[in-house]
Amino acid sequence: MSSMVKVSIQVLDLNDNPPKFENDTLVFNFPENLPSGSKVGTVYVTDPDIGKNSQVKFKMLEAGEDSKYFFIDDATSNGNTVAIFSRREFDYEVDRRNYQLVLRAESSNLRSDVVVKIKLTDVNDNYPIMKDFDIIFNNRIDEYFSEPIAYVPAEGKYCRVNDLPYN
């Protein structure tokens, strides 16, 4: 005598994989003069677990004083990403140019940390200064020049004379 029974087996996911960042260190370039609350960048993680075991929460660790200048907003998180924002406006000519944070991604009891480096970038926000000068141009009709015919003295607050563009 024999019989057959159809058996269904459901394999459940065990939370056995920590979230994984794209790299061990993430680098963002952030232009100066942006207002407080400006987005620095978005951090991505992957978690191969499924369902609730793949849900990730982010936390910025208080590792050094740089964390006081930036924050993450959970409202921007969709489970696999979170955005980093500035808490203040930065000035390339006055402030430090490099900042370092530590960001943590947690999935239940598993976690991963990543170093986030933020590099402040310069924006051309200082007008050149034109000094007093006199220039006399003697231009003959139908004569074209292949070399400069005059030099105009100007200085930029944070650049050399040869770096200034002229129109």
N, C-alpha and C. Protein backbone atom coordinates (compact mmCIF):
# COMPACT_ATOMS: atom_id res chain seq x y z
N MET A 1 0.83 -1.15 0.00
CA MET A 1 0.00 0.00 0.00
C MET A 1 0.89 1.24 0.00
N SER A 2 0.55 2.26 -0.75
CA SER A 2 1.31 3.51 -0.81
C SER A 2 0.35 4.67 -1.02
N SER A 3 0.82 5.82 -0.67
CA SER A 3 0.04 7.03 -0.91
C SER A 3 1.00 8.19 -1.18
N MET A 4 0.48 9.19 -1.83
CA MET A 4 1.28 10.38 -2.15
C MET A 4 0.63 11.60 -1.50
N VAL A 5 1.47 12.43 -0.98
CA VAL A 5 1.01 13.67 -0.38
C VAL A 5 1.90 14.80 -0.93
N LYS A 6 1.26 15.88 -1.32
CA LYS A 6 2.00 17.03 -1.79
C LYS A 6 2.43 17.85 -0.57
N VAL A 7 3.72 18.11 -0.45
CA VAL A 7 4.28 18.82 0.68
C VAL A 7 4.89 20.13 0.17
N SER A 8 4.57 21.23 0.80
CA SER A 8 5.18 22.52 0.47
C SER A 8 6.20 22.85 1.54
N ILE A 9 7.36 23.26 1.09
CA ILE A 9 8.42 23.66 2.02
C ILE A 9 8.71 25.13 1.77
N GLN A 10 8.64 25.91 2.81
CA GLN A 10 8.92 27.33 2.70
C GLN A 10 10.24 27.61 3.41
N VAL A 11 11.21 28.11 2.65
CA VAL A 11 12.52 28.45 3.20
C VAL A 11 12.47 29.90 3.65
N LEU A 12 12.74 30.11 4.93
CA LEU A 12 12.70 31.46 5.49
C LEU A 12 14.09 32.08 5.46
N ASP A 13 14.12 33.37 5.25
CA ASP A 13 15.38 34.09 5.22
C ASP A 13 15.84 34.35 6.64
N LEU A 14 17.11 34.11 6.87
CA LEU A 14 17.74 34.42 8.14
C LEU A 14 18.57 35.68 7.92
N ASN A 15 18.51 36.60 8.84
CA ASN A 15 19.29 37.84 8.70
C ASN A 15 20.75 37.51 8.97
N ASP A 16 21.45 37.09 7.93
CA ASP A 16 22.83 36.66 8.08
C ASP A 16 23.82 37.46 7.24
N ASN A 17 23.34 38.55 6.65
CA ASN A 17 24.22 39.41 5.84
C ASN A 17 24.14 40.84 6.33
N PRO A 18 25.29 41.41 6.68
CA PRO A 18 25.26 42.82 7.08
C PRO A 18 25.10 43.70 5.84
N PRO A 19 24.61 44.92 6.01
CA PRO A 19 24.55 45.84 4.87
C PRO A 19 25.97 46.08 4.35
N LYS A 20 26.08 46.32 3.06
CA LYS A 20 27.40 46.52 2.45
C LYS A 20 27.41 47.83 1.67
N PHE A 21 28.40 48.68 1.98
CA PHE A 21 28.58 49.95 1.27
C PHE A 21 29.30 49.69 -0.05
N GLU A 22 29.20 50.66 -0.96
CA GLU A 22 29.84 50.54 -2.28
C GLU A 22 31.35 50.39 -2.17
N ASN A 23 31.97 51.13 -1.24
CA ASN A 23 33.42 51.12 -1.02
C ASN A 23 33.70 51.25 0.46
N ASP A 24 34.94 51.02 0.84
CA ASP A 24 35.34 51.19 2.24
C ASP A 24 35.38 52.65 2.64
N THR A 25 35.65 53.51 1.68
CA THR A 25 35.68 54.95 1.90
C THR A 25 34.89 55.63 0.80
N LEU A 26 34.02 56.57 1.16
CA LEU A 26 33.24 57.32 0.18
C LEU A 26 33.72 58.76 0.18
N VAL A 27 33.83 59.36 -1.01
CA VAL A 27 34.32 60.73 -1.13
C VAL A 27 33.28 61.57 -1.86
N PHE A 28 32.95 62.73 -1.27
CA PHE A 28 32.03 63.68 -1.90
C PHE A 28 32.73 65.03 -2.02
N ASN A 29 32.60 65.66 -3.18
CA ASN A 29 33.05 67.04 -3.37
C ASN A 29 31.85 67.94 -3.12
N PHE A 30 32.06 68.98 -2.30
CA PHE A 30 30.97 69.85 -1.89
C PHE A 30 31.37 71.29 -2.13
N PRO A 31 30.68 72.01 -3.04
CA PRO A 31 31.06 73.40 -3.34
C PRO A 31 30.80 74.34 -2.17
N GLU A 32 31.67 75.32 -2.03
CA GLU A 32 31.48 76.34 -0.99
C GLU A 32 30.24 77.19 -1.29
N ASN A 33 29.81 77.95 -0.31
CA ASN A 33 28.75 78.97 -0.40
C ASN A 33 27.33 78.41 -0.54
N LEU A 34 27.15 77.11 -0.44
CA LEU A 34 25.79 76.57 -0.47
C LEU A 34 25.15 76.78 0.90
N PRO A 35 23.85 77.06 0.97
CA PRO A 35 23.22 77.34 2.27
C PRO A 35 23.15 76.11 3.16
N SER A 36 22.98 76.37 4.44
CA SER A 36 22.79 75.30 5.41
C SER A 36 21.62 74.42 4.96
N GLY A 37 21.77 73.12 5.12
CA GLY A 37 20.72 72.19 4.69
C GLY A 37 20.90 71.70 3.27
N SER A 38 21.99 72.09 2.61
CA SER A 38 22.23 71.63 1.24
C SER A 38 22.69 70.17 1.24
N LYS A 39 22.30 69.46 0.21
CA LYS A 39 22.64 68.04 0.09
C LYS A 39 24.09 67.88 -0.35
N VAL A 40 24.84 67.13 0.44
CA VAL A 40 26.25 66.85 0.15
C VAL A 40 26.32 65.68 -0.82
N GLY A 41 25.54 64.64 -0.57
CA GLY A 41 25.55 63.46 -1.42
C GLY A 41 24.65 62.38 -0.87
N THR A 42 24.53 61.30 -1.62
CA THR A 42 23.69 60.17 -1.23
C THR A 42 24.57 58.93 -1.06
N VAL A 43 24.34 58.20 0.02
CA VAL A 43 25.08 56.98 0.32
C VAL A 43 24.18 55.79 0.03
N TYR A 44 24.75 54.79 -0.65
CA TYR A 44 24.01 53.58 -1.04
C TYR A 44 24.57 52.36 -0.32
N VAL A 45 23.67 51.45 0.08
CA VAL A 45 24.09 50.16 0.63
C VAL A 45 23.28 49.05 -0.04
N THR A 46 23.81 47.85 0.02
CA THR A 46 23.06 46.68 -0.43
C THR A 46 22.97 45.71 0.74
N ASP A 47 21.88 44.97 0.77
CA ASP A 47 21.70 43.91 1.77
C ASP A 47 21.01 42.76 1.05
N PRO A 48 21.72 41.65 0.85
CA PRO A 48 21.15 40.55 0.07
C PRO A 48 20.01 39.79 0.77
N ASP A 49 19.79 40.08 2.05
CA ASP A 49 18.65 39.45 2.73
C ASP A 49 17.36 39.97 2.11
N ILE A 50 16.25 39.31 2.42
CA ILE A 50 14.97 39.72 1.85
C ILE A 50 13.98 40.09 2.95
N GLY A 51 12.94 40.80 2.54
CA GLY A 51 11.88 41.19 3.48
C GLY A 51 12.40 42.09 4.57
N LYS A 52 11.88 41.88 5.78
CA LYS A 52 12.27 42.75 6.89
C LYS A 52 13.75 42.60 7.24
N ASN A 53 14.36 41.50 6.86
CA ASN A 53 15.79 41.30 7.12
C ASN A 53 16.68 42.17 6.23
N SER A 54 16.10 42.77 5.22
CA SER A 54 16.88 43.64 4.34
C SER A 54 16.69 45.12 4.66
N GLN A 55 15.88 45.42 5.65
CA GLN A 55 15.64 46.81 6.02
C GLN A 55 16.86 47.37 6.75
N VAL A 56 17.31 48.53 6.28
CA VAL A 56 18.53 49.14 6.79
C VAL A 56 18.21 50.48 7.44
N LYS A 57 18.82 50.73 8.58
CA LYS A 57 18.73 52.04 9.24
C LYS A 57 20.13 52.62 9.29
N PHE A 58 20.18 53.95 9.15
CA PHE A 58 21.47 54.63 9.11
C PHE A 58 21.67 55.48 10.35
N LYS A 59 22.94 55.64 10.73
CA LYS A 59 23.29 56.45 11.88
C LYS A 59 24.65 57.08 11.62
N MET A 60 24.79 58.37 11.94
CA MET A 60 26.09 59.01 11.85
C MET A 60 26.74 58.90 13.22
N LEU A 61 27.93 58.34 13.27
CA LEU A 61 28.63 58.16 14.54
C LEU A 61 29.33 59.46 14.93
N GLU A 62 29.39 59.70 16.21
CA GLU A 62 30.05 60.90 16.73
C GLU A 62 31.55 60.63 16.80
N ALA A 63 32.18 60.57 15.66
CA ALA A 63 33.62 60.29 15.59
C ALA A 63 34.34 61.58 15.22
N GLY A 64 34.72 62.34 16.21
CA GLY A 64 35.41 63.61 15.95
C GLY A 64 34.44 64.76 15.82
N GLU A 65 34.99 65.95 15.68
CA GLU A 65 34.17 67.16 15.65
C GLU A 65 33.47 67.39 14.32
N ASP A 66 33.88 66.71 13.26
CA ASP A 66 33.29 66.97 11.94
C ASP A 66 31.82 66.61 11.85
N SER A 67 31.36 65.69 12.69
CA SER A 67 29.95 65.28 12.63
C SER A 67 29.01 66.41 13.03
N LYS A 68 29.52 67.44 13.70
CA LYS A 68 28.63 68.56 14.07
C LYS A 68 28.31 69.46 12.88
N TYR A 69 29.03 69.32 11.78
CA TYR A 69 28.80 70.14 10.60
C TYR A 69 27.85 69.51 9.58
N PHE A 70 27.47 68.24 9.80
CA PHE A 70 26.66 67.50 8.83
C PHE A 70 25.61 66.67 9.56
N PHE A 71 24.57 66.27 8.83
CA PHE A 71 23.55 65.39 9.40
C PHE A 71 22.96 64.52 8.29
N ILE A 72 22.35 63.42 8.72
CA ILE A 72 21.60 62.58 7.77
C ILE A 72 20.13 62.71 8.12
N ASP A 73 19.30 62.55 7.12
CA ASP A 73 17.86 62.71 7.29
C ASP A 73 17.18 61.40 6.96
N ASP A 74 16.61 60.75 7.98
CA ASP A 74 15.93 59.47 7.76
C ASP A 74 14.77 59.60 6.78
N ALA A 75 14.20 60.79 6.67
CA ALA A 75 13.09 60.99 5.74
C ALA A 75 13.54 60.81 4.29
N THR A 76 14.85 60.97 4.04
CA THR A 76 15.37 60.79 2.69
C THR A 76 15.74 59.34 2.41
N SER A 77 15.69 58.50 3.43
CA SER A 77 16.09 57.11 3.26
C SER A 77 14.96 56.29 2.66
N ASN A 78 15.31 55.44 1.70
CA ASN A 78 14.32 54.52 1.14
C ASN A 78 14.65 53.09 1.50
N GLY A 79 15.48 52.90 2.51
CA GLY A 79 15.88 51.57 2.92
C GLY A 79 17.28 51.21 2.48
N ASN A 80 17.67 51.66 1.30
CA ASN A 80 19.01 51.35 0.79
C ASN A 80 19.87 52.59 0.60
N THR A 81 19.29 53.77 0.79
CA THR A 81 20.04 55.01 0.60
C THR A 81 19.71 55.99 1.73
N VAL A 82 20.64 56.91 1.93
CA VAL A 82 20.41 58.02 2.84
C VAL A 82 21.23 59.20 2.33
N ALA A 83 20.70 60.40 2.51
CA ALA A 83 21.39 61.61 2.06
C ALA A 83 22.10 62.28 3.24
N ILE A 84 23.25 62.88 2.93
CA ILE A 84 24.01 63.67 3.90
C ILE A 84 23.80 65.14 3.56
N PHE A 85 23.54 65.96 4.59
CA PHE A 85 23.28 67.39 4.41
C PHE A 85 24.24 68.20 5.27
N SER A 86 24.45 69.45 4.88
CA SER A 86 25.31 70.36 5.67
C SER A 86 24.48 71.07 6.73
N ARG A 87 25.10 71.36 7.85
CA ARG A 87 24.45 72.12 8.92
C ARG A 87 24.76 73.61 8.83
N ARG A 88 25.67 73.98 7.92
CA ARG A 88 26.06 75.38 7.81
C ARG A 88 26.58 75.67 6.41
N GLU A 89 26.78 76.93 6.14
CA GLU A 89 27.40 77.36 4.89
C GLU A 89 28.92 77.34 5.08
N PHE A 90 29.65 76.87 4.07
CA PHE A 90 31.10 76.79 4.15
C PHE A 90 31.74 77.80 3.19
N ASP A 91 32.92 78.29 3.58
CA ASP A 91 33.68 79.22 2.75
C ASP A 91 35.07 78.61 2.52
N TYR A 92 35.39 78.34 1.27
CA TYR A 92 36.64 77.67 0.90
C TYR A 92 37.85 78.47 1.38
N GLU A 93 37.77 79.78 1.33
CA GLU A 93 38.91 80.61 1.69
C GLU A 93 39.09 80.75 3.21
N VAL A 94 38.09 80.38 3.99
CA VAL A 94 38.14 80.56 5.44
C VAL A 94 38.14 79.23 6.19
N ASP A 95 37.27 78.31 5.79
CA ASP A 95 37.08 77.05 6.51
C ASP A 95 38.10 75.99 6.10
N ARG A 96 38.14 74.93 6.89
CA ARG A 96 38.94 73.77 6.50
C ARG A 96 38.40 73.21 5.19
N ARG A 97 39.21 72.49 4.47
CA ARG A 97 38.80 71.99 3.15
C ARG A 97 38.48 70.52 3.14
N ASN A 98 38.77 69.80 4.22
CA ASN A 98 38.50 68.37 4.28
C ASN A 98 37.80 68.02 5.59
N TYR A 99 36.77 67.19 5.47
CA TYR A 99 36.00 66.74 6.63
C TYR A 99 35.85 65.23 6.54
N GLN A 100 35.75 64.59 7.70
CA GLN A 100 35.63 63.13 7.71
C GLN A 100 34.55 62.71 8.70
N LEU A 101 33.65 61.83 8.24
CA LEU A 101 32.55 61.31 9.05
C LEU A 101 32.62 59.79 9.05
N VAL A 102 31.92 59.18 10.01
CA VAL A 102 31.73 57.73 10.00
C VAL A 102 30.23 57.47 10.01
N LEU A 103 29.79 56.72 9.01
CA LEU A 103 28.37 56.42 8.86
C LEU A 103 28.17 54.92 9.10
N ARG A 104 27.11 54.58 9.83
CA ARG A 104 26.80 53.18 10.13
C ARG A 104 25.48 52.79 9.48
N ALA A 105 25.46 51.60 8.88
CA ALA A 105 24.23 51.00 8.35
C ALA A 105 23.95 49.76 9.18
N GLU A 106 22.73 49.66 9.72
CA GLU A 106 22.35 48.53 10.58
C GLU A 106 21.16 47.81 10.00
N SER A 107 21.24 46.49 10.03
CA SER A 107 20.13 45.63 9.65
C SER A 107 19.95 44.65 10.80
N SER A 108 19.00 44.97 11.67
CA SER A 108 18.77 44.21 12.90
C SER A 108 20.06 44.24 13.73
N ASN A 109 20.66 43.09 14.00
CA ASN A 109 21.86 43.08 14.84
C ASN A 109 23.16 43.09 14.03
N LEU A 110 23.06 43.22 12.71
CA LEU A 110 24.25 43.27 11.86
C LEU A 110 24.49 44.69 11.38
N ARG A 111 25.77 45.07 11.28
CA ARG A 111 26.06 46.45 10.90
C ARG A 111 27.37 46.54 10.13
N SER A 112 27.50 47.66 9.43
CA SER A 112 28.72 48.00 8.70
C SER A 112 28.96 49.49 8.85
N ASP A 113 30.23 49.87 8.90
CA ASP A 113 30.60 51.28 9.00
C ASP A 113 31.39 51.67 7.75
N VAL A 114 31.30 52.94 7.39
CA VAL A 114 32.06 53.46 6.26
C VAL A 114 32.58 54.85 6.62
N VAL A 115 33.78 55.15 6.14
CA VAL A 115 34.35 56.48 6.31
C VAL A 115 33.86 57.33 5.14
N VAL A 116 33.33 58.51 5.45
CA VAL A 116 32.86 59.44 4.42
C VAL A 116 33.76 60.67 4.48
N LYS A 117 34.43 60.95 3.35
CA LYS A 117 35.28 62.13 3.26
C LYS A 117 34.57 63.17 2.42
N ILE A 118 34.52 64.38 2.95
CA ILE A 118 33.88 65.49 2.24
C ILE A 118 34.95 66.53 1.96
N LYS A 119 35.12 66.83 0.67
CA LYS A 119 36.13 67.80 0.24
C LYS A 119 35.43 69.07 -0.21
N LEU A 120 35.74 70.15 0.45
CA LEU A 120 35.18 71.45 0.09
C LEU A 120 35.86 71.93 -1.19
N THR A 121 35.06 72.35 -2.17
CA THR A 121 35.62 72.81 -3.44
C THR A 121 35.40 74.31 -3.60
N ASP A 122 36.32 74.92 -4.31
CA ASP A 122 36.31 76.37 -4.51
C ASP A 122 35.35 76.77 -5.62
N VAL A 123 34.68 77.89 -5.43
CA VAL A 123 33.81 78.49 -6.43
C VAL A 123 34.37 79.89 -6.69
N ASN A 124 34.36 80.32 -7.92
CA ASN A 124 34.88 81.65 -8.25
C ASN A 124 33.91 82.71 -7.73
N ASP A 125 34.12 83.12 -6.47
CA ASP A 125 33.20 84.05 -5.83
C ASP A 125 33.85 85.37 -5.44
N ASN A 126 35.05 85.63 -5.93
CA ASN A 126 35.75 86.88 -5.64
C ASN A 126 36.09 87.57 -6.95
N TYR A 127 35.57 88.78 -7.13
CA TYR A 127 35.78 89.53 -8.37
C TYR A 127 37.22 90.04 -8.44
N PRO A 128 37.78 90.10 -9.64
CA PRO A 128 39.12 90.67 -9.78
C PRO A 128 39.09 92.18 -9.52
N ILE A 129 40.22 92.69 -9.10
CA ILE A 129 40.35 94.12 -8.81
C ILE A 129 41.14 94.76 -9.94
N MET A 130 40.56 95.78 -10.55
CA MET A 130 41.24 96.51 -11.62
C MET A 130 41.97 97.69 -11.00
N LYS A 131 43.28 97.77 -11.24
CA LYS A 131 44.06 98.88 -10.71
C LYS A 131 43.94 100.06 -11.67
N ASP A 132 44.28 101.24 -11.18
CA ASP A 132 44.29 102.44 -12.04
C ASP A 132 45.34 102.26 -13.12
N PHE A 133 44.95 102.53 -14.35
CA PHE A 133 45.89 102.38 -15.45
C PHE A 133 45.42 103.20 -16.64
N ASP A 134 46.37 103.51 -17.51
CA ASP A 134 46.09 104.19 -18.78
C ASP A 134 46.64 103.32 -19.90
N ILE A 135 45.83 103.12 -20.92
CA ILE A 135 46.27 102.38 -22.09
C ILE A 135 45.87 103.19 -23.32
N ILE A 136 46.82 103.35 -24.21
CA ILE A 136 46.54 104.04 -25.46
C ILE A 136 46.69 103.02 -26.59
N PHE A 137 45.64 102.85 -27.37
CA PHE A 137 45.67 101.91 -28.49
C PHE A 137 45.80 102.70 -29.79
N ASN A 138 46.78 102.36 -30.57
CA ASN A 138 46.93 102.93 -31.91
C ASN A 138 46.64 101.81 -32.89
N ASN A 139 45.47 101.83 -33.45
CA ASN A 139 45.06 100.75 -34.36
C ASN A 139 44.93 101.32 -35.76
N ARG A 140 45.66 100.74 -36.67
CA ARG A 140 45.58 101.19 -38.05
C ARG A 140 44.47 100.44 -38.76
N ILE A 141 43.83 101.07 -39.70
CA ILE A 141 42.75 100.45 -40.46
C ILE A 141 43.31 99.27 -41.24
N ASP A 142 42.55 98.17 -41.23
CA ASP A 142 42.90 96.93 -41.95
C ASP A 142 44.20 96.30 -41.45
N GLU A 143 44.59 96.57 -40.23
CA GLU A 143 45.78 95.92 -39.68
C GLU A 143 45.33 94.97 -38.57
N TYR A 144 45.75 93.72 -38.66
CA TYR A 144 45.35 92.71 -37.69
C TYR A 144 46.57 92.27 -36.90
N PHE A 145 46.36 91.99 -35.65
CA PHE A 145 47.47 91.66 -34.77
C PHE A 145 47.44 90.16 -34.44
N SER A 146 48.59 89.57 -34.39
CA SER A 146 48.69 88.16 -34.01
C SER A 146 49.25 88.00 -32.60
N GLU A 147 49.62 89.10 -31.99
CA GLU A 147 50.14 89.09 -30.63
C GLU A 147 49.32 90.05 -29.79
N PRO A 148 49.44 89.95 -28.47
CA PRO A 148 48.72 90.92 -27.62
C PRO A 148 49.17 92.34 -27.94
N ILE A 149 48.23 93.26 -27.89
CA ILE A 149 48.56 94.66 -28.17
C ILE A 149 48.57 95.49 -26.88
N ALA A 150 48.13 94.88 -25.76
CA ALA A 150 48.15 95.59 -24.48
C ALA A 150 47.96 94.60 -23.35
N TYR A 151 48.34 95.00 -22.17
CA TYR A 151 48.11 94.22 -20.97
C TYR A 151 47.33 95.08 -19.98
N VAL A 152 46.29 94.50 -19.38
CA VAL A 152 45.47 95.21 -18.41
C VAL A 152 45.79 94.62 -17.04
N PRO A 153 46.28 95.44 -16.12
CA PRO A 153 46.63 94.92 -14.79
C PRO A 153 45.38 94.66 -13.95
N ALA A 154 45.29 93.47 -13.42
CA ALA A 154 44.18 93.11 -12.53
C ALA A 154 44.68 92.06 -11.55
N GLU A 155 44.08 92.01 -10.39
CA GLU A 155 44.43 91.03 -9.38
C GLU A 155 43.17 90.36 -8.86
N GLY A 156 43.27 89.08 -8.59
CA GLY A 156 42.19 88.36 -7.94
C GLY A 156 42.57 88.13 -6.49
N LYS A 157 41.60 88.15 -5.61
CA LYS A 157 41.88 88.01 -4.18
C LYS A 157 42.57 86.68 -3.88
N TYR A 158 42.17 85.62 -4.57
CA TYR A 158 42.72 84.30 -4.28
C TYR A 158 43.25 83.62 -5.54
N CYS A 159 43.75 84.40 -6.50
CA CYS A 159 44.33 83.79 -7.69
C CYS A 159 45.45 84.66 -8.22
N ARG A 160 46.28 84.06 -9.05
CA ARG A 160 47.39 84.78 -9.65
C ARG A 160 46.90 85.56 -10.86
N VAL A 161 47.66 86.56 -11.28
CA VAL A 161 47.28 87.43 -12.39
C VAL A 161 47.06 86.61 -13.66
N ASN A 162 47.91 85.64 -13.93
CA ASN A 162 47.80 84.85 -15.17
C ASN A 162 46.59 83.93 -15.18
N ASP A 163 45.93 83.74 -14.03
CA ASP A 163 44.76 82.87 -13.95
C ASP A 163 43.46 83.60 -14.24
N LEU A 164 43.51 84.92 -14.39
CA LEU A 164 42.29 85.70 -14.58
C LEU A 164 41.87 85.67 -16.04
N PRO A 165 40.63 85.30 -16.32
CA PRO A 165 40.15 85.36 -17.72
C PRO A 165 39.70 86.77 -18.06
N TYR A 166 39.92 87.17 -19.31
CA TYR A 166 39.50 88.50 -19.78
C TYR A 166 38.51 88.32 -20.92
N ASN A 167 37.55 89.22 -20.99
CA ASN A 167 36.61 89.25 -22.12
C ASN A 167 36.68 90.60 -22.78
